[in-house]
Each structure stands twice: as C-alpha cells, then as structure tokens.
C-alpha atoms as a PDB file:
ATOM      1  CA  MET A   1    -151.699 118.795  -1.802  1.00  0.00           C
ATOM      2  CA  THR A   2    -153.963 120.339  -4.398  1.00  0.00           C
ATOM      3  CA  LYS A   3    -155.528 118.345  -7.223  1.00  0.00           C
ATOM      4  CA  ALA A   4    -153.193 120.051  -9.739  1.00  0.00           C
ATOM      5  CA  GLU A   5    -150.126 119.052  -7.718  1.00  0.00           C
ATOM      6  CA  ASP A   6    -151.417 115.488  -7.484  1.00  0.00           C
ATOM      7  CA  ASP A   7    -152.228 115.311 -11.229  1.00  0.00           C
ATOM      8  CA  PHE A   8    -148.935 116.741 -12.443  1.00  0.00           C
ATOM      9  CA  GLY A   9    -146.531 115.587  -9.747  1.00  0.00           C
ATOM     10  CA  ILE A  10    -145.086 119.034  -9.047  1.00  0.00           C
ATOM     11  CA  VAL A  11    -141.510 118.866  -7.789  1.00  0.00           C
ATOM     12  CA  ARG A  12    -139.684 121.685  -6.029  1.00  0.00           C
ATOM     13  CA  GLY A  13    -136.677 122.838  -8.063  1.00  0.00           C
ATOM     14  CA  SER A  14    -133.142 123.100  -6.746  1.00  0.00           C
ATOM     15  CA  GLY A  15    -132.726 126.738  -7.789  1.00  0.00           C
ATOM     16  CA  ASN A  16    -130.574 125.694 -10.725  1.00  0.00           C
ATOM     17  CA  VAL A  17    -132.675 124.775 -13.756  1.00  0.00           C
ATOM     18  CA  PHE A  18    -129.668 123.183 -15.457  1.00  0.00           C
ATOM     19  CA  ARG A  19    -129.164 120.818 -12.509  1.00  0.00           C
ATOM     20  CA  ASP A  20    -132.884 120.034 -12.436  1.00  0.00           C
ATOM     21  CA  LEU A  21    -132.712 119.063 -16.118  1.00  0.00           C
ATOM     22  CA  GLY A  22    -129.670 116.855 -15.523  1.00  0.00           C
ATOM     23  CA  GLU A  23    -127.339 118.990 -17.634  1.00  0.00           C
ATOM     24  CA  PRO A  24    -123.593 118.364 -17.339  1.00  0.00           C
ATOM     25  CA  ASP A  25    -121.701 121.307 -15.796  1.00  0.00           C
ATOM     26  CA  ALA A  26    -124.952 122.680 -14.398  1.00  0.00           C
ATOM     27  CA  ASP A  27    -123.237 125.052 -11.964  1.00  0.00           C
ATOM     28  CA  VAL A  28    -121.049 126.547 -14.697  1.00  0.00           C
ATOM     29  CA  LYS A  29    -124.065 127.013 -16.969  1.00  0.00           C
ATOM     30  CA  GLN A  30    -125.996 128.673 -14.132  1.00  0.00           C
ATOM     31  CA  ALA A  31    -123.113 131.076 -13.398  1.00  0.00           C
ATOM     32  CA  LYS A  32    -122.815 131.975 -17.091  1.00  0.00           C
ATOM     33  CA  ALA A  33    -126.555 132.581 -17.336  1.00  0.00           C
ATOM     34  CA  ILE A  34    -126.478 134.879 -14.293  1.00  0.00           C
ATOM     35  CA  LEU A  35    -123.563 136.865 -15.726  1.00  0.00           C
ATOM     36  CA  ALA A  36    -125.198 137.095 -19.158  1.00  0.00           C
ATOM     37  CA  ALA A  37    -128.411 138.331 -17.545  1.00  0.00           C
ATOM     38  CA  ARG A  38    -126.403 141.005 -15.702  1.00  0.00           C
ATOM     39  CA  ILE A  39    -124.717 142.081 -18.947  1.00  0.00           C
ATOM     40  CA  ILE A  40    -128.083 142.328 -20.698  1.00  0.00           C
ATOM     41  CA  GLY A  41    -129.456 144.272 -17.732  1.00  0.00           C
ATOM     42  CA  ILE A  42    -126.585 146.764 -17.911  1.00  0.00           C
ATOM     43  CA  LEU A  43    -127.069 147.217 -21.666  1.00  0.00           C
ATOM     44  CA  ASP A  44    -130.788 147.777 -21.171  1.00  0.00           C
ATOM     45  CA  ASP A  45    -130.333 150.140 -18.200  1.00  0.00           C
ATOM     46  CA  ARG A  46    -127.774 152.221 -20.071  1.00  0.00           C
ATOM     47  CA  GLN A  47    -129.710 151.894 -23.348  1.00  0.00           C
ATOM     48  CA  LEU A  48    -126.608 150.655 -25.144  1.00  0.00           C
ATOM     49  CA  SER A  49    -126.874 148.974 -28.517  1.00  0.00           C
ATOM     50  CA  THR A  50    -124.658 145.974 -29.159  1.00  0.00           C
ATOM     51  CA  ARG A  51    -122.491 148.208 -31.332  1.00  0.00           C
ATOM     52  CA  GLN A  52    -122.075 150.801 -28.560  1.00  0.00           C
ATOM     53  CA  ALA A  53    -121.353 148.093 -26.003  1.00  0.00           C
ATOM     54  CA  ALA A  54    -118.723 146.599 -28.295  1.00  0.00           C
ATOM     55  CA  GLU A  55    -116.966 149.969 -28.445  1.00  0.00           C
ATOM     56  CA  VAL A  56    -117.044 150.338 -24.633  1.00  0.00           C
ATOM     57  CA  VAL A  57    -115.774 146.827 -23.937  1.00  0.00           C
ATOM     58  CA  GLY A  58    -113.466 146.389 -26.923  1.00  0.00           C
ATOM     59  CA  ILE A  59    -114.925 143.157 -28.285  1.00  0.00           C
ATOM     60  CA  ASP A  60    -116.815 142.375 -31.466  1.00  0.00           C
ATOM     61  CA  GLN A  61    -120.485 143.319 -31.666  1.00  0.00           C
ATOM     62  CA  SER A  62    -121.395 139.738 -32.527  1.00  0.00           C
ATOM     63  CA  GLU A  63    -120.309 138.666 -29.041  1.00  0.00           C
ATOM     64  CA  PHE A  64    -123.069 140.813 -27.523  1.00  0.00           C
ATOM     65  CA  VAL A  65    -125.554 139.332 -29.978  1.00  0.00           C
ATOM     66  CA  ARG A  66    -124.534 135.877 -28.729  1.00  0.00           C
ATOM     67  CA  ILE A  67    -124.987 136.982 -25.118  1.00  0.00           C
ATOM     68  CA  ARG A  68    -128.426 138.457 -25.846  1.00  0.00           C
ATOM     69  CA  ASN A  69    -129.414 135.179 -27.538  1.00  0.00           C
ATOM     70  CA  ALA A  70    -128.106 133.129 -24.557  1.00  0.00           C
ATOM     71  CA  ASN A  71    -125.615 131.409 -26.852  1.00  0.00           C
ATOM     72  CA  LEU A  72    -122.961 131.156 -24.151  1.00  0.00           C
ATOM     73  CA  ASP A  73    -120.946 128.100 -25.209  1.00  0.00           C
ATOM     74  CA  ARG A  74    -118.072 130.260 -26.486  1.00  0.00           C
ATOM     75  CA  PHE A  75    -117.771 132.181 -23.232  1.00  0.00           C
ATOM     76  CA  THR A  76    -115.933 131.304 -20.055  1.00  0.00           C
ATOM     77  CA  ILE A  77    -117.032 132.621 -16.691  1.00  0.00           C
ATOM     78  CA  ASP A  78    -113.942 134.806 -16.431  1.00  0.00           C
ATOM     79  CA  ARG A  79    -114.548 136.289 -19.883  1.00  0.00           C
ATOM     80  CA  LEU A  80    -118.123 137.169 -18.962  1.00  0.00           C
ATOM     81  CA  MET A  81    -116.846 138.690 -15.693  1.00  0.00           C
ATOM     82  CA  ARG A  82    -114.391 140.865 -17.641  1.00  0.00           C
ATOM     83  CA  ILE A  83    -117.234 142.081 -19.861  1.00  0.00           C
ATOM     84  CA  VAL A  84    -119.397 142.893 -16.835  1.00  0.00           C
ATOM     85  CA  ASN A  85    -116.526 144.744 -15.165  1.00  0.00           C
ATOM     86  CA  ARG A  86    -115.774 146.791 -18.284  1.00  0.00           C
ATOM     87  CA  LEU A  87    -119.428 147.805 -18.515  1.00  0.00           C
ATOM     88  CA  ASP A  88    -119.910 148.468 -14.804  1.00  0.00           C
ATOM     89  CA  PRO A  89    -116.887 148.132 -12.502  1.00  0.00           C
ATOM     90  CA  ARG A  90    -119.160 148.394  -9.432  1.00  0.00           C
ATOM     91  CA  VAL A  91    -120.598 144.905  -9.998  1.00  0.00           C
ATOM     92  CA  ARG A  92    -119.332 142.352  -7.502  1.00  0.00           C
ATOM     93  CA  MET A  93    -119.794 138.591  -7.567  1.00  0.00           C
ATOM     94  CA  VAL A  94    -120.012 136.804  -4.230  1.00  0.00           C
ATOM     95  CA  LEU A  95    -119.449 133.075  -3.809  1.00  0.00           C
ATOM     96  CA  SER A  96    -120.546 131.181  -0.751  1.00  0.00           C
ATOM     97  CA  ASP A  97    -120.664 127.620   0.468  1.00  0.00           C
ATOM     98  CA  ALA A  98    -123.966 125.937  -0.256  1.00  0.00           C
ATOM     99  CA  PRO A  99    -125.525 123.729   2.386  1.00  0.00           C
ATOM    100  CA  ALA A 100    -125.173 120.024   1.698  1.00  0.00           C
ATOM    101  CA  GLU A 101    -128.142 118.473  -0.087  1.00  0.00           C
ATOM    102  CA  PRO A 102    -130.072 115.873   1.870  1.00  0.00           C
ATOM    103  CA  LYS A 103    -129.345 112.331   0.657  1.00  0.00           C
ATOM    104  CA  ALA A 104    -132.919 111.956  -0.589  1.00  0.00           C
ATOM    105  CA  ALA A 105    -132.506 114.981  -2.901  1.00  0.00           C
ATOM    106  CA  ARG A 106    -129.306 113.713  -4.550  1.00  0.00           C
ATOM    107  CA  ARG A 107    -129.476 111.758  -7.791  1.00  0.00           C
END
C-alpha cells in the first residue's frame, strides 16, 4: 500500500458510482446514465443539434437538453432505449447475470 492509499483510505469501487454512493435505485440510475451517454455520443458523432435530433426522434428539443445535462429523472429506461433506437437502430443492449458479491462487500 502506498502512502497516499494509507492516508486517504482508497476503496475499490463496485463499477456503479450510484451504488458506491448509497443511492436508492442505483442500478436503474446506472442504466439510465449509460443510455444517456450513448445518446449524447450518437448526437456528437452525427453532429446533430438538439433541434435536429428532436426532428429525427419526434420528441421535444428540451428533452435532449435534459439528457445532455444528465437530468434523467423524467426518463424511464424504456423511453431512453426508444430514443437510442430511433437515432441508431443498430445499438443493442445486452443484459447478463452479475456474479454474487462477497458477503464482506455487501452493506
């Protein structure tokens, strides 16, 4: 252990920052954040403004502003998936079983 690790008590994260912070519905928040990041990536790759994206997807421009600002409370996972699929129907989301956490890692 380095001096910095000893001084600050560095802890390895779980891979889900929301879970690490003790947020309720951490897995849902993580999934929404991943989908929002994909939407933003598509907009950036295709150089679409929020107005252009709104025309492609058929939703209000303000919804894309909310996504860009990570204001995701109004969105469900399925709604974000529909937006992703309207922007790029080749995107696929894969779910898998996660290994069980060791008892020591659980809260």
